[in-house]
Protein backbone atom coordinates (compact mmCIF):
# COMPACT_ATOMS: atom_id res chain seq x y z
CA MET A 1 -0.29 -40.87 -30.05
CA PRO A 2 1.03 -37.30 -30.41
CA LEU A 3 1.19 -35.39 -27.68
CA PRO A 4 -1.59 -32.29 -27.37
CA PRO A 5 -0.36 -28.88 -27.93
CA PRO A 6 0.76 -26.74 -25.02
CA LEU A 7 -2.39 -25.00 -23.54
CA PRO A 8 -2.31 -21.35 -22.85
CA GLY A 9 -0.88 -19.85 -19.90
CA LEU A 10 -3.81 -18.66 -18.36
CA HIS A 11 -5.65 -22.37 -19.23
CA ARG A 12 -2.78 -24.11 -17.44
CA ARG A 13 -3.23 -22.07 -14.33
CA LEU A 14 -7.01 -22.71 -14.41
CA GLN A 15 -6.84 -26.49 -14.58
CA ALA A 16 -3.98 -26.19 -11.53
CA ALA A 17 -6.70 -24.62 -9.18
CA LEU A 18 -9.13 -27.35 -9.84
CA PRO A 19 -9.36 -29.44 -6.37
CA ARG A 20 -7.86 -33.05 -7.30
CA LEU A 21 -8.68 -36.30 -5.47
CA GLY A 22 -5.87 -38.05 -3.65
CA ALA A 23 -4.39 -37.24 -0.35
CA ALA A 24 -1.37 -35.89 -1.64
CA ARG A 25 -3.12 -33.07 -3.79
CA ARG A 26 -5.35 -32.05 -0.86
CA SER A 27 -2.36 -31.55 1.69
CA ALA A 28 -0.87 -29.44 -1.22
CA GLY A 29 -3.99 -26.90 -1.44
CA LEU A 30 -5.67 -25.12 -4.49
CA ALA A 31 -3.27 -23.43 -6.72
CA THR A 32 -4.47 -19.68 -7.11
CA ILE A 33 -4.18 -17.20 -10.15
CA PRO A 34 -2.84 -13.65 -9.14
CA GLY A 35 -4.63 -10.50 -10.29
CA GLN A 36 -8.55 -9.81 -10.15
CA VAL A 37 -10.89 -10.54 -12.64
CA PRO A 38 -12.03 -7.60 -14.59
CA GLU A 39 -15.80 -6.60 -14.22
CA PRO A 40 -17.55 -7.75 -17.33
CA GLY A 41 -18.71 -4.41 -18.23
CA ALA A 42 -15.00 -3.01 -17.72
CA LEU A 43 -12.99 -5.10 -19.71
CA PRO A 44 -9.31 -4.45 -20.65
CA PRO A 45 -7.86 -3.51 -24.52
CA GLY A 46 -7.00 -6.51 -26.16
CA CYS A 47 -7.18 -9.86 -24.70
CA PRO A 48 -9.36 -9.81 -21.56
CA PHE A 49 -7.05 -12.10 -19.67
CA HIS A 50 -4.12 -10.32 -20.49
CA PRO A 51 -3.73 -8.92 -16.70
CA ARG A 52 -3.86 -12.37 -15.16
CA CYS A 53 -2.00 -14.20 -18.10
CA PRO A 54 1.83 -15.60 -17.38
CA ASP A 55 2.24 -15.76 -21.17
CA CYS A 56 1.43 -12.13 -21.80
CA ILE A 57 3.00 -10.21 -24.98
CA ALA A 58 2.60 -6.74 -26.04
CA VAL A 59 0.22 -7.28 -28.63
CA CYS A 60 -2.06 -9.28 -25.65
CA LYS A 61 -2.55 -5.80 -24.43
CA THR A 62 -3.43 -4.20 -27.76
CA ASP A 63 -5.16 -6.53 -29.95
CA ASP A 64 -8.21 -8.77 -29.44
CA PRO A 65 -6.92 -12.35 -30.11
CA LYS A 66 -8.64 -14.33 -33.10
CA LEU A 67 -10.05 -18.25 -32.27
CA VAL A 68 -7.70 -20.25 -34.28
CA ASN A 69 -7.61 -24.39 -34.28
CA LEU A 70 -4.73 -25.64 -32.51
CA THR A 71 -5.75 -29.12 -33.39
CA PRO A 72 -9.13 -30.57 -35.08
CA THR A 73 -10.63 -30.81 -31.83
CA HIS A 74 -8.91 -27.80 -29.96
CA ARG A 75 -9.10 -24.15 -30.33
CA ALA A 76 -8.07 -20.90 -28.44
CA ALA A 77 -8.25 -17.40 -28.68
CA CYS A 78 -4.67 -16.45 -27.77
CA HIS A 79 -1.91 -14.34 -29.69
CA VAL A 80 1.47 -16.58 -28.03
CA HIS A 81 -0.65 -20.13 -29.40
CA ALA A 82 -2.08 -18.86 -32.66
CA PRO A 83 0.20 -20.39 -35.51
CA PRO A 84 2.25 -18.15 -37.26
CA ASP A 85 0.63 -16.00 -40.37
């Protein structure tokens, strides 16, 4: 089975922040995501996640990302992980 595509940066951080079962994971604590969640009525220009995304590039701050298929079962709206034109 082929490996799944890499997840966008914020997606990886959201998954890391989920509680896990097992003593080792509990003792490590939950991962946090730096920054503040934007107000729904005051989203930043470009990608709404760029202020908190570790993969942010210049275009993320100005242009809305388009939803693209990364695989037949996985879609993402991310400039960094979008296939080249």
